[in-house]
Amino acid sequence: MTVFVFLAAVIGAVMMLPAAAEDIARGETLLKRLCAPCHAVGSADIGKHPTAPAFRTLGQQYPIESLEEALAEGLSTGHEAMPEFQFDAADVGAIIAYLKHIQQR
């Protein structure tokens, strides 16, 4: 019985890996399409707008998970050139997964 539980846990963990990779890729695609015109959205690129923060450094300011609510309810800033974005739950999860993936340590 113990071996069966162990095997089930290993199989479950392995099956979750592709989903995480898919989420990361989806989050990257969303952010490149919507945010790259101003922000550095990758792990080493340079943003096109001088005051737009690089996404790879957001974790130095606050926990990445703290962005979930803002992404779901409507992300806006006092900067009038930045459009307001609102994402569904699946997109929020993908964006958070990608942001966690690229954070500088």
PDB file of N, CA and C in Angstrom:
ATOM      1  N   MET A   1       0.822  -1.198   0.000  1.00  0.00           N
ATOM      2  CA  MET A   1       0.000   0.000   0.000  1.00  0.00           C
ATOM      3  C   MET A   1       0.866   1.263   0.000  1.00  0.00           C
ATOM      4  N   THR A   2       1.928   1.252   0.802  1.00  0.00           N
ATOM      5  CA  THR A   2       2.809   2.404   0.880  1.00  0.00           C
ATOM      6  C   THR A   2       3.473   2.678  -0.470  1.00  0.00           C
ATOM      7  N   VAL A   3       3.870   1.631  -1.172  1.00  0.00           N
ATOM      8  CA  VAL A   3       4.495   1.786  -2.484  1.00  0.00           C
ATOM      9  C   VAL A   3       3.501   2.404  -3.460  1.00  0.00           C
ATOM     10  N   PHE A   4       2.244   1.973  -3.395  1.00  0.00           N
ATOM     11  CA  PHE A   4       1.212   2.508  -4.277  1.00  0.00           C
ATOM     12  C   PHE A   4       1.013   4.002  -4.032  1.00  0.00           C
ATOM     13  N   VAL A   5       0.953   4.413  -2.788  1.00  0.00           N
ATOM     14  CA  VAL A   5       0.779   5.830  -2.453  1.00  0.00           C
ATOM     15  C   VAL A   5       1.970   6.640  -2.951  1.00  0.00           C
ATOM     16  N   PHE A   6       3.168   6.096  -2.758  1.00  0.00           N
ATOM     17  CA  PHE A   6       4.374   6.778  -3.226  1.00  0.00           C
ATOM     18  C   PHE A   6       4.356   6.935  -4.739  1.00  0.00           C
ATOM     19  N   LEU A   7       4.044   5.860  -5.456  1.00  0.00           N
ATOM     20  CA  LEU A   7       3.992   5.922  -6.919  1.00  0.00           C
ATOM     21  C   LEU A   7       2.929   6.903  -7.404  1.00  0.00           C
ATOM     22  N   ALA A   8       1.786   6.917  -6.749  1.00  0.00           N
ATOM     23  CA  ALA A   8       0.726   7.852  -7.124  1.00  0.00           C
ATOM     24  C   ALA A   8       1.193   9.294  -6.929  1.00  0.00           C
ATOM     25  N   ALA A   9       1.917   9.556  -5.851  1.00  0.00           N
ATOM     26  CA  ALA A   9       2.424  10.908  -5.589  1.00  0.00           C
ATOM     27  C   ALA A   9       3.460  11.311  -6.633  1.00  0.00           C
ATOM     28  N   VAL A  10       4.337  10.400  -6.999  1.00  0.00           N
ATOM     29  CA  VAL A  10       5.364  10.696  -8.005  1.00  0.00           C
ATOM     30  C   VAL A  10       4.720  10.960  -9.361  1.00  0.00           C
ATOM     31  N   ILE A  11       3.785  10.114  -9.753  1.00  0.00           N
ATOM     32  CA  ILE A  11       3.105  10.293 -11.030  1.00  0.00           C
ATOM     33  C   ILE A  11       2.349  11.615 -11.046  1.00  0.00           C
ATOM     34  N   GLY A  12       1.674  11.938  -9.961  1.00  0.00           N
ATOM     35  CA  GLY A  12       0.950  13.210  -9.873  1.00  0.00           C
ATOM     36  C   GLY A  12       1.883  14.392  -9.995  1.00  0.00           C
ATOM     37  N   ALA A  13       3.029  14.328  -9.353  1.00  0.00           N
ATOM     38  CA  ALA A  13       3.996  15.423  -9.418  1.00  0.00           C
ATOM     39  C   ALA A  13       4.555  15.569 -10.828  1.00  0.00           C
ATOM     40  N   VAL A  14       4.854  14.467 -11.480  1.00  0.00           N
ATOM     41  CA  VAL A  14       5.389  14.510 -12.838  1.00  0.00           C
ATOM     42  C   VAL A  14       4.347  15.068 -13.799  1.00  0.00           C
ATOM     43  N   MET A  15       3.099  14.707 -13.613  1.00  0.00           N
ATOM     44  CA  MET A  15       2.044  15.195 -14.496  1.00  0.00           C
ATOM     45  C   MET A  15       1.814  16.699 -14.318  1.00  0.00           C
ATOM     46  N   MET A  16       2.150  17.241 -13.170  1.00  0.00           N
ATOM     47  CA  MET A  16       1.974  18.664 -12.922  1.00  0.00           C
ATOM     48  C   MET A  16       3.063  19.494 -13.596  1.00  0.00           C
ATOM     49  N   LEU A  17       4.226  18.929 -13.855  1.00  0.00           N
ATOM     50  CA  LEU A  17       5.325  19.680 -14.436  1.00  0.00           C
ATOM     51  C   LEU A  17       4.988  20.295 -15.791  1.00  0.00           C
ATOM     52  N   PRO A  18       4.419  19.544 -16.735  1.00  0.00           N
ATOM     53  CA  PRO A  18       4.089  20.179 -18.009  1.00  0.00           C
ATOM     54  C   PRO A  18       3.095  21.333 -17.861  1.00  0.00           C
ATOM     55  N   ALA A  19       2.143  21.202 -16.953  1.00  0.00           N
ATOM     56  CA  ALA A  19       1.179  22.285 -16.753  1.00  0.00           C
ATOM     57  C   ALA A  19       1.899  23.540 -16.276  1.00  0.00           C
ATOM     58  N   ALA A  20       2.869  23.374 -15.379  1.00  0.00           N
ATOM     59  CA  ALA A  20       3.615  24.535 -14.898  1.00  0.00           C
ATOM     60  C   ALA A  20       4.397  25.168 -16.044  1.00  0.00           C
ATOM     61  N   ALA A  21       5.006  24.344 -16.884  1.00  0.00           N
ATOM     62  CA  ALA A  21       5.753  24.861 -18.032  1.00  0.00           C
ATOM     63  C   ALA A  21       4.803  25.562 -19.004  1.00  0.00           C
ATOM     64  N   GLU A  22       3.618  25.007 -19.187  1.00  0.00           N
ATOM     65  CA  GLU A  22       2.620  25.635 -20.055  1.00  0.00           C
ATOM     66  C   GLU A  22       2.176  26.974 -19.491  1.00  0.00           C
ATOM     67  N   ASP A  23       1.980  27.034 -18.175  1.00  0.00           N
ATOM     68  CA  ASP A  23       1.593  28.295 -17.540  1.00  0.00           C
ATOM     69  C   ASP A  23       2.676  29.352 -17.716  1.00  0.00           C
ATOM     70  N   ILE A  24       3.916  28.952 -17.518  1.00  0.00           N
ATOM     71  CA  ILE A  24       5.021  29.889 -17.666  1.00  0.00           C
ATOM     72  C   ILE A  24       5.066  30.427 -19.095  1.00  0.00           C
ATOM     73  N   ALA A  25       4.935  29.544 -20.068  1.00  0.00           N
ATOM     74  CA  ALA A  25       4.960  29.965 -21.472  1.00  0.00           C
ATOM     75  C   ALA A  25       3.777  30.874 -21.803  1.00  0.00           C
ATOM     76  N   ARG A  26       2.612  30.533 -21.260  1.00  0.00           N
ATOM     77  CA  ARG A  26       1.423  31.366 -21.503  1.00  0.00           C
ATOM     78  C   ARG A  26       1.593  32.748 -20.884  1.00  0.00           C
ATOM     79  N   GLY A  27       2.102  32.794 -19.649  1.00  0.00           N
ATOM     80  CA  GLY A  27       2.349  34.071 -18.990  1.00  0.00           C
ATOM     81  C   GLY A  27       3.351  34.911 -19.752  1.00  0.00           C
ATOM     82  N   GLU A  28       4.402  34.280 -20.251  1.00  0.00           N
ATOM     83  CA  GLU A  28       5.400  35.003 -21.039  1.00  0.00           C
ATOM     84  C   GLU A  28       4.773  35.584 -22.307  1.00  0.00           C
ATOM     85  N   THR A  29       3.956  34.793 -22.976  1.00  0.00           N
ATOM     86  CA  THR A  29       3.302  35.259 -24.204  1.00  0.00           C
ATOM     87  C   THR A  29       2.410  36.462 -23.928  1.00  0.00           C
ATOM     88  N   LEU A  30       1.612  36.375 -22.860  1.00  0.00           N
ATOM     89  CA  LEU A  30       0.721  37.486 -22.507  1.00  0.00           C
ATOM     90  C   LEU A  30       1.512  38.758 -22.216  1.00  0.00           C
ATOM     91  N   LEU A  31       2.537  38.632 -21.387  1.00  0.00           N
ATOM     92  CA  LEU A  31       3.296  39.819 -20.994  1.00  0.00           C
ATOM     93  C   LEU A  31       4.102  40.400 -22.145  1.00  0.00           C
ATOM     94  N   LYS A  32       4.628  39.551 -23.010  1.00  0.00           N
ATOM     95  CA  LYS A  32       5.355  40.073 -24.174  1.00  0.00           C
ATOM     96  C   LYS A  32       4.414  40.844 -25.086  1.00  0.00           C
ATOM     97  N   ARG A  33       3.205  40.319 -25.264  1.00  0.00           N
ATOM     98  CA  ARG A  33       2.255  40.975 -26.167  1.00  0.00           C
ATOM     99  C   ARG A  33       1.735  42.284 -25.578  1.00  0.00           C
ATOM    100  N   LEU A  34       1.414  42.284 -24.279  1.00  0.00           N
ATOM    101  CA  LEU A  34       0.748  43.433 -23.680  1.00  0.00           C
ATOM    102  C   LEU A  34       1.684  44.440 -23.003  1.00  0.00           C
ATOM    103  N   CYS A  35       2.801  43.969 -22.492  1.00  0.00           N
ATOM    104  CA  CYS A  35       3.621  44.827 -21.640  1.00  0.00           C
ATOM    105  C   CYS A  35       4.987  45.188 -22.214  1.00  0.00           C
ATOM    106  N   ALA A  36       5.503  44.384 -23.135  1.00  0.00           N
ATOM    107  CA  ALA A  36       6.842  44.620 -23.678  1.00  0.00           C
ATOM    108  C   ALA A  36       7.012  45.935 -24.437  1.00  0.00           C
ATOM    109  N   PRO A  37       5.925  46.556 -24.913  1.00  0.00           N
ATOM    110  CA  PRO A  37       6.150  47.855 -25.545  1.00  0.00           C
ATOM    111  C   PRO A  37       6.807  48.882 -24.602  1.00  0.00           C
ATOM    112  N   CYS A  38       6.688  48.682 -23.296  1.00  0.00           N
ATOM    113  CA  CYS A  38       7.305  49.611 -22.337  1.00  0.00           C
ATOM    114  C   CYS A  38       8.251  48.914 -21.356  1.00  0.00           C
ATOM    115  N   HIS A  39       7.843  47.760 -20.834  1.00  0.00           N
ATOM    116  CA  HIS A  39       8.581  47.072 -19.771  1.00  0.00           C
ATOM    117  C   HIS A  39       9.570  46.047 -20.304  1.00  0.00           C
ATOM    118  N   ALA A  40      10.620  45.796 -19.524  1.00  0.00           N
ATOM    119  CA  ALA A  40      11.476  44.633 -19.749  1.00  0.00           C
ATOM    120  C   ALA A  40      10.723  43.459 -19.139  1.00  0.00           C
ATOM    121  N   VAL A  41      10.291  42.519 -19.960  1.00  0.00           N
ATOM    122  CA  VAL A  41       9.463  41.418 -19.457  1.00  0.00           C
ATOM    123  C   VAL A  41      10.227  40.104 -19.374  1.00  0.00           C
ATOM    124  N   GLY A  42      11.440  40.067 -19.872  1.00  0.00           N
ATOM    125  CA  GLY A  42      12.228  38.841 -19.849  1.00  0.00           C
ATOM    126  C   GLY A  42      13.250  38.842 -18.729  1.00  0.00           C
ATOM    127  N   SER A  43      14.115  37.842 -18.771  1.00  0.00           N
ATOM    128  CA  SER A  43      15.108  37.709 -17.708  1.00  0.00           C
ATOM    129  C   SER A  43      16.343  38.571 -17.941  1.00  0.00           C
ATOM    130  N   ALA A  44      16.479  39.153 -19.149  1.00  0.00           N
ATOM    131  CA  ALA A  44      17.671  39.961 -19.411  1.00  0.00           C
ATOM    132  C   ALA A  44      17.444  41.126 -20.373  1.00  0.00           C
ATOM    133  N   ASP A  45      16.214  41.347 -20.826  1.00  0.00           N
ATOM    134  CA  ASP A  45      15.977  42.413 -21.806  1.00  0.00           C
ATOM    135  C   ASP A  45      15.945  43.790 -21.149  1.00  0.00           C
ATOM    136  N   ILE A  46      15.904  44.818 -21.962  1.00  0.00           N
ATOM    137  CA  ILE A  46      15.866  46.198 -21.487  1.00  0.00           C
ATOM    138  C   ILE A  46      14.540  46.808 -21.912  1.00  0.00           C
ATOM    139  N   GLY A  47      13.862  47.462 -20.973  1.00  0.00           N
ATOM    140  CA  GLY A  47      12.584  48.091 -21.270  1.00  0.00           C
ATOM    141  C   GLY A  47      12.739  49.291 -22.187  1.00  0.00           C
ATOM    142  N   LYS A  48      11.677  49.584 -22.892  1.00  0.00           N
ATOM    143  CA  LYS A  48      11.700  50.701 -23.837  1.00  0.00           C
ATOM    144  C   LYS A  48      11.284  52.027 -23.207  1.00  0.00           C
ATOM    145  N   HIS A  49      10.666  51.971 -22.041  1.00  0.00           N
ATOM    146  CA  HIS A  49      10.254  53.192 -21.333  1.00  0.00           C
ATOM    147  C   HIS A  49      11.148  53.335 -20.103  1.00  0.00           C
ATOM    148  N   PRO A  50      11.792  54.450 -19.931  1.00  0.00           N
ATOM    149  CA  PRO A  50      12.795  54.587 -18.869  1.00  0.00           C
ATOM    150  C   PRO A  50      12.279  54.410 -17.440  1.00  0.00           C
ATOM    151  N   THR A  51      11.015  54.701 -17.190  1.00  0.00           N
ATOM    152  CA  THR A  51      10.515  54.569 -15.815  1.00  0.00           C
ATOM    153  C   THR A  51       9.705  53.301 -15.583  1.00  0.00           C
ATOM    154  N   ALA A  52       9.523  52.482 -16.618  1.00  0.00           N
ATOM    155  CA  ALA A  52       8.760  51.233 -16.463  1.00  0.00           C
ATOM    156  C   ALA A  52       9.648  50.184 -15.813  1.00  0.00           C
ATOM    157  N   PRO A  53       9.229  49.638 -14.673  1.00  0.00           N
ATOM    158  CA  PRO A  53      10.083  48.666 -13.975  1.00  0.00           C
ATOM    159  C   PRO A  53      10.251  47.377 -14.767  1.00  0.00           C
ATOM    160  N   ALA A  54      11.441  46.797 -14.646  1.00  0.00           N
ATOM    161  CA  ALA A  54      11.708  45.483 -15.239  1.00  0.00           C
ATOM    162  C   ALA A  54      10.961  44.435 -14.426  1.00  0.00           C
ATOM    163  N   PHE A  55      10.234  43.564 -15.093  1.00  0.00           N
ATOM    164  CA  PHE A  55       9.432  42.569 -14.390  1.00  0.00           C
ATOM    165  C   PHE A  55      10.287  41.586 -13.595  1.00  0.00           C
ATOM    166  N   ARG A  56      11.536  41.368 -14.002  1.00  0.00           N
ATOM    167  CA  ARG A  56      12.399  40.419 -13.299  1.00  0.00           C
ATOM    168  C   ARG A  56      12.825  40.925 -11.922  1.00  0.00           C
ATOM    169  N   THR A  57      12.590  42.215 -11.651  1.00  0.00           N
ATOM    170  CA  THR A  57      12.981  42.777 -10.349  1.00  0.00           C
ATOM    171  C   THR A  57      11.784  43.081  -9.450  1.00  0.00           C
ATOM    172  N   LEU A  58      10.575  42.779  -9.896  1.00  0.00           N
ATOM    173  CA  LEU A  58       9.384  43.090  -9.093  1.00  0.00           C
ATOM    174  C   LEU A  58       9.420  42.400  -7.731  1.00  0.00           C
ATOM    175  N   GLY A  59       9.968  41.199  -7.681  1.00  0.00           N
ATOM    176  CA  GLY A  59      10.041  40.459  -6.426  1.00  0.00           C
ATOM    177  C   GLY A  59      10.935  41.095  -5.386  1.00  0.00           C
ATOM    178  N   GLN A  60      11.775  42.026  -5.788  1.00  0.00           N
ATOM    179  CA  GLN A  60      12.616  42.740  -4.838  1.00  0.00           C
ATOM    180  C   GLN A  60      11.825  43.809  -4.096  1.00  0.00           C
ATOM    181  N   GLN A  61      10.671  44.199  -4.667  1.00  0.00           N
ATOM    182  CA  GLN A  61       9.852  45.237  -4.064  1.00  0.00           C
ATOM    183  C   GLN A  61       8.723  44.674  -3.208  1.00  0.00           C
ATOM    184  N   TYR A  62       8.145  43.556  -3.651  1.00  0.00           N
ATOM    185  CA  TYR A  62       7.038  42.931  -2.919  1.00  0.00           C
ATOM    186  C   TYR A  62       6.835  41.511  -3.430  1.00  0.00           C
ATOM    187  N   PRO A  63       6.131  40.693  -2.639  1.00  0.00           N
ATOM    188  CA  PRO A  63       5.902  39.311  -3.077  1.00  0.00           C
ATOM    189  C   PRO A  63       5.095  39.283  -4.384  1.00  0.00           C
ATOM    190  N   ILE A  64       5.517  38.454  -5.320  1.00  0.00           N
ATOM    191  CA  ILE A  64       4.850  38.348  -6.614  1.00  0.00           C
ATOM    192  C   ILE A  64       3.378  37.971  -6.440  1.00  0.00           C
ATOM    193  N   GLU A  65       3.069  37.120  -5.473  1.00  0.00           N
ATOM    194  CA  GLU A  65       1.683  36.712  -5.238  1.00  0.00           C
ATOM    195  C   GLU A  65       0.772  37.893  -4.923  1.00  0.00           C
ATOM    196  N   SER A  66       1.350  38.973  -4.420  1.00  0.00           N
ATOM    197  CA  SER A  66       0.529  40.135  -4.065  1.00  0.00           C
ATOM    198  C   SER A  66      -0.057  40.821  -5.301  1.00  0.00           C
ATOM    199  N   LEU A  67       0.408  40.454  -6.489  1.00  0.00           N
ATOM    200  CA  LEU A  67      -0.122  41.025  -7.726  1.00  0.00           C
ATOM    201  C   LEU A  67      -1.401  40.336  -8.200  1.00  0.00           C
ATOM    202  N   GLU A  68      -1.716  39.174  -7.634  1.00  0.00           N
ATOM    203  CA  GLU A  68      -2.868  38.396  -8.107  1.00  0.00           C
ATOM    204  C   GLU A  68      -4.157  39.213  -8.122  1.00  0.00           C
ATOM    205  N   GLU A  69      -4.461  39.858  -7.029  1.00  0.00           N
ATOM    206  CA  GLU A  69      -5.711  40.621  -6.928  1.00  0.00           C
ATOM    207  C   GLU A  69      -5.743  41.778  -7.928  1.00  0.00           C
ATOM    208  N   ALA A  70      -4.647  42.497  -8.027  1.00  0.00           N
ATOM    209  CA  ALA A  70      -4.599  43.633  -8.959  1.00  0.00           C
ATOM    210  C   ALA A  70      -4.760  43.167 -10.405  1.00  0.00           C
ATOM    211  N   LEU A  71      -4.149  42.047 -10.749  1.00  0.00           N
ATOM    212  CA  LEU A  71      -4.270  41.526 -12.110  1.00  0.00           C
ATOM    213  C   LEU A  71      -5.701  41.100 -12.421  1.00  0.00           C
ATOM    214  N   ALA A  72      -6.379  40.538 -11.431  1.00  0.00           N
ATOM    215  CA  ALA A  72      -7.746  40.050 -11.636  1.00  0.00           C
ATOM    216  C   ALA A  72      -8.780  41.176 -11.612  1.00  0.00           C
ATOM    217  N   GLU A  73      -8.552  42.174 -10.776  1.00  0.00           N
ATOM    218  CA  GLU A  73      -9.559  43.233 -10.616  1.00  0.00           C
ATOM    219  C   GLU A  73      -9.332  44.431 -11.524  1.00  0.00           C
ATOM    220  N   GLY A  74      -8.159  44.519 -12.089  1.00  0.00           N
ATOM    221  CA  GLY A  74      -7.871  45.634 -12.987  1.00  0.00           C
ATOM    222  C   GLY A  74      -6.609  46.335 -12.554  1.00  0.00           C
ATOM    223  N   LEU A  75      -5.564  46.138 -13.300  1.00  0.00           N
ATOM    224  CA  LEU A  75      -4.268  46.731 -12.991  1.00  0.00           C
ATOM    225  C   LEU A  75      -4.180  48.093 -13.660  1.00  0.00           C
ATOM    226  N   SER A  76      -4.041  49.114 -12.853  1.00  0.00           N
ATOM    227  CA  SER A  76      -3.886  50.457 -13.396  1.00  0.00           C
ATOM    228  C   SER A  76      -2.917  51.230 -12.508  1.00  0.00           C
ATOM    229  N   THR A  77      -2.346  52.259 -13.075  1.00  0.00           N
ATOM    230  CA  THR A  77      -1.404  53.090 -12.319  1.00  0.00           C
ATOM    231  C   THR A  77      -1.762  54.550 -12.527  1.00  0.00           C
ATOM    232  N   GLY A  78      -1.063  55.420 -11.871  1.00  0.00           N
ATOM    233  CA  GLY A  78      -1.270  56.848 -12.056  1.00  0.00           C
ATOM    234  C   GLY A  78      -0.671  57.347 -13.361  1.00  0.00           C
ATOM    235  N   HIS A  79       0.070  56.496 -14.028  1.00  0.00           N
ATOM    236  CA  HIS A  79       0.710  56.856 -15.295  1.00  0.00           C
ATOM    237  C   HIS A  79      -0.323  56.727 -16.413  1.00  0.00           C
ATOM    238  N   GLU A  80      -0.717  57.834 -16.990  1.00  0.00           N
ATOM    239  CA  GLU A  80      -1.826  57.833 -17.957  1.00  0.00           C
ATOM    240  C   GLU A  80      -1.505  57.104 -19.255  1.00  0.00           C
ATOM    241  N   ALA A  81      -0.242  56.924 -19.580  1.00  0.00           N
ATOM    242  CA  ALA A  81       0.106  56.221 -20.817  1.00  0.00           C
ATOM    243  C   ALA A  81      -0.054  54.710 -20.683  1.00  0.00           C
ATOM    244  N   MET A  82      -0.140  54.202 -19.448  1.00  0.00           N
ATOM    245  CA  MET A  82      -0.291  52.763 -19.246  1.00  0.00           C
ATOM    246  C   MET A  82      -1.768  52.398 -19.294  1.00  0.00           C
ATOM    247  N   PRO A  83      -2.127  51.483 -20.185  1.00  0.00           N
ATOM    248  CA  PRO A  83      -3.531  51.060 -20.247  1.00  0.00           C
ATOM    249  C   PRO A  83      -3.905  50.213 -19.036  1.00  0.00           C
ATOM    250  N   GLU A  84      -5.187  50.134 -18.738  1.00  0.00           N
ATOM    251  CA  GLU A  84      -5.653  49.281 -17.656  1.00  0.00           C
ATOM    252  C   GLU A  84      -5.847  47.869 -18.191  1.00  0.00           C
ATOM    253  N   PHE A  85      -5.390  46.894 -17.426  1.00  0.00           N
ATOM    254  CA  PHE A  85      -5.515  45.496 -17.800  1.00  0.00           C
ATOM    255  C   PHE A  85      -6.306  44.757 -16.742  1.00  0.00           C
ATOM    256  N   GLN A  86      -7.112  43.801 -17.171  1.00  0.00           N
ATOM    257  CA  GLN A  86      -7.843  42.919 -16.259  1.00  0.00           C
ATOM    258  C   GLN A  86      -7.779  41.524 -16.858  1.00  0.00           C
ATOM    259  N   PHE A  87      -7.386  40.542 -16.063  1.00  0.00           N
ATOM    260  CA  PHE A  87      -7.165  39.186 -16.545  1.00  0.00           C
ATOM    261  C   PHE A  87      -8.087  38.197 -15.838  1.00  0.00           C
ATOM    262  N   ASP A  88      -8.431  37.100 -16.541  1.00  0.00           N
ATOM    263  CA  ASP A  88      -9.219  36.050 -15.899  1.00  0.00           C
ATOM    264  C   ASP A  88      -8.286  35.205 -15.023  1.00  0.00           C
ATOM    265  N   ALA A  89      -8.875  34.311 -14.241  1.00  0.00           N
ATOM    266  CA  ALA A  89      -8.106  33.538 -13.255  1.00  0.00           C
ATOM    267  C   ALA A  89      -6.988  32.724 -13.893  1.00  0.00           C
ATOM    268  N   ALA A  90      -7.261  32.107 -15.035  1.00  0.00           N
ATOM    269  CA  ALA A  90      -6.230  31.291 -15.689  1.00  0.00           C
ATOM    270  C   ALA A  90      -5.060  32.161 -16.142  1.00  0.00           C
ATOM    271  N   ASP A  91      -5.345  33.329 -16.680  1.00  0.00           N
ATOM    272  CA  ASP A  91      -4.281  34.233 -17.105  1.00  0.00           C
ATOM    273  C   ASP A  91      -3.491  34.769 -15.914  1.00  0.00           C
ATOM    274  N   VAL A  92      -4.180  35.068 -14.837  1.00  0.00           N
ATOM    275  CA  VAL A  92      -3.493  35.535 -13.620  1.00  0.00           C
ATOM    276  C   VAL A  92      -2.508  34.467 -13.147  1.00  0.00           C
ATOM    277  N   GLY A  93      -2.964  33.212 -13.099  1.00  0.00           N
ATOM    278  CA  GLY A  93      -2.083  32.116 -12.681  1.00  0.00           C
ATOM    279  C   GLY A  93      -0.868  31.989 -13.588  1.00  0.00           C
ATOM    280  N   ALA A  94      -1.091  32.127 -14.886  1.00  0.00           N
ATOM    281  CA  ALA A  94       0.007  32.019 -15.838  1.00  0.00           C
ATOM    282  C   ALA A  94       0.991  33.177 -15.683  1.00  0.00           C
ATOM    283  N   ILE A  95       0.478  34.378 -15.492  1.00  0.00           N
ATOM    284  CA  ILE A  95       1.340  35.551 -15.322  1.00  0.00           C
ATOM    285  C   ILE A  95       2.167  35.436 -14.047  1.00  0.00           C
ATOM    286  N   ILE A  96       1.525  35.029 -12.961  1.00  0.00           N
ATOM    287  CA  ILE A  96       2.250  34.860 -11.696  1.00  0.00           C
ATOM    288  C   ILE A  96       3.324  33.788 -11.836  1.00  0.00           C
ATOM    289  N   ALA A  97       3.003  32.666 -12.501  1.00  0.00           N
ATOM    290  CA  ALA A  97       3.990  31.596 -12.708  1.00  0.00           C
ATOM    291  C   ALA A  97       5.188  32.119 -13.497  1.00  0.00           C
ATOM    292  N   TYR A  98       4.937  32.884 -14.529  1.00  0.00           N
ATOM    293  CA  TYR A  98       6.026  33.438 -15.340  1.00  0.00           C
ATOM    294  C   TYR A  98       6.855  34.442 -14.532  1.00  0.00           C
ATOM    295  N   LEU A  99       6.188  35.338 -13.825  1.00  0.00           N
ATOM    296  CA  LEU A  99       6.918  36.324 -13.041  1.00  0.00           C
ATOM    297  C   LEU A  99       7.808  35.659 -11.991  1.00  0.00           C
ATOM    298  N   LYS A 100       7.301  34.632 -11.336  1.00  0.00           N
ATOM    299  CA  LYS A 100       8.115  33.907 -10.356  1.00  0.00           C
ATOM    300  C   LYS A 100       9.324  33.260 -11.036  1.00  0.00           C
ATOM    301  N   HIS A 101       9.098  32.769 -12.235  1.00  0.00           N
ATOM    302  CA  HIS A 101      10.145  32.068 -12.983  1.00  0.00           C
ATOM    303  C   HIS A 101      11.309  32.990 -13.345  1.00  0.00           C
ATOM    304  N   ILE A 102      11.058  34.253 -13.617  1.00  0.00           N
ATOM    305  CA  ILE A 102      12.120  35.156 -14.089  1.00  0.00           C
ATOM    306  C   ILE A 102      12.738  36.029 -13.006  1.00  0.00           C
ATOM    307  N   GLN A 103      12.279  35.934 -11.781  1.00  0.00           N
ATOM    308  CA  GLN A 103      12.798  36.828 -10.743  1.00  0.00           C
ATOM    309  C   GLN A 103      14.280  36.655 -10.503  1.00  0.00           C
ATOM    310  N   GLN A 104      14.991  37.780 -10.386  1.00  0.00           N
ATOM    311  CA  GLN A 104      16.401  37.757 -10.027  1.00  0.00           C
ATOM    312  C   GLN A 104      16.489  37.450  -8.554  1.00  0.00           C
ATOM    313  N   ARG A 105      17.377  36.622  -8.216  1.00  0.00           N
ATOM    314  CA  ARG A 105      17.551  36.216  -6.811  1.00  0.00           C
ATOM    315  C   ARG A 105      18.555  37.089  -6.130  1.00  0.00           C
TER     316      ARG A 105
END
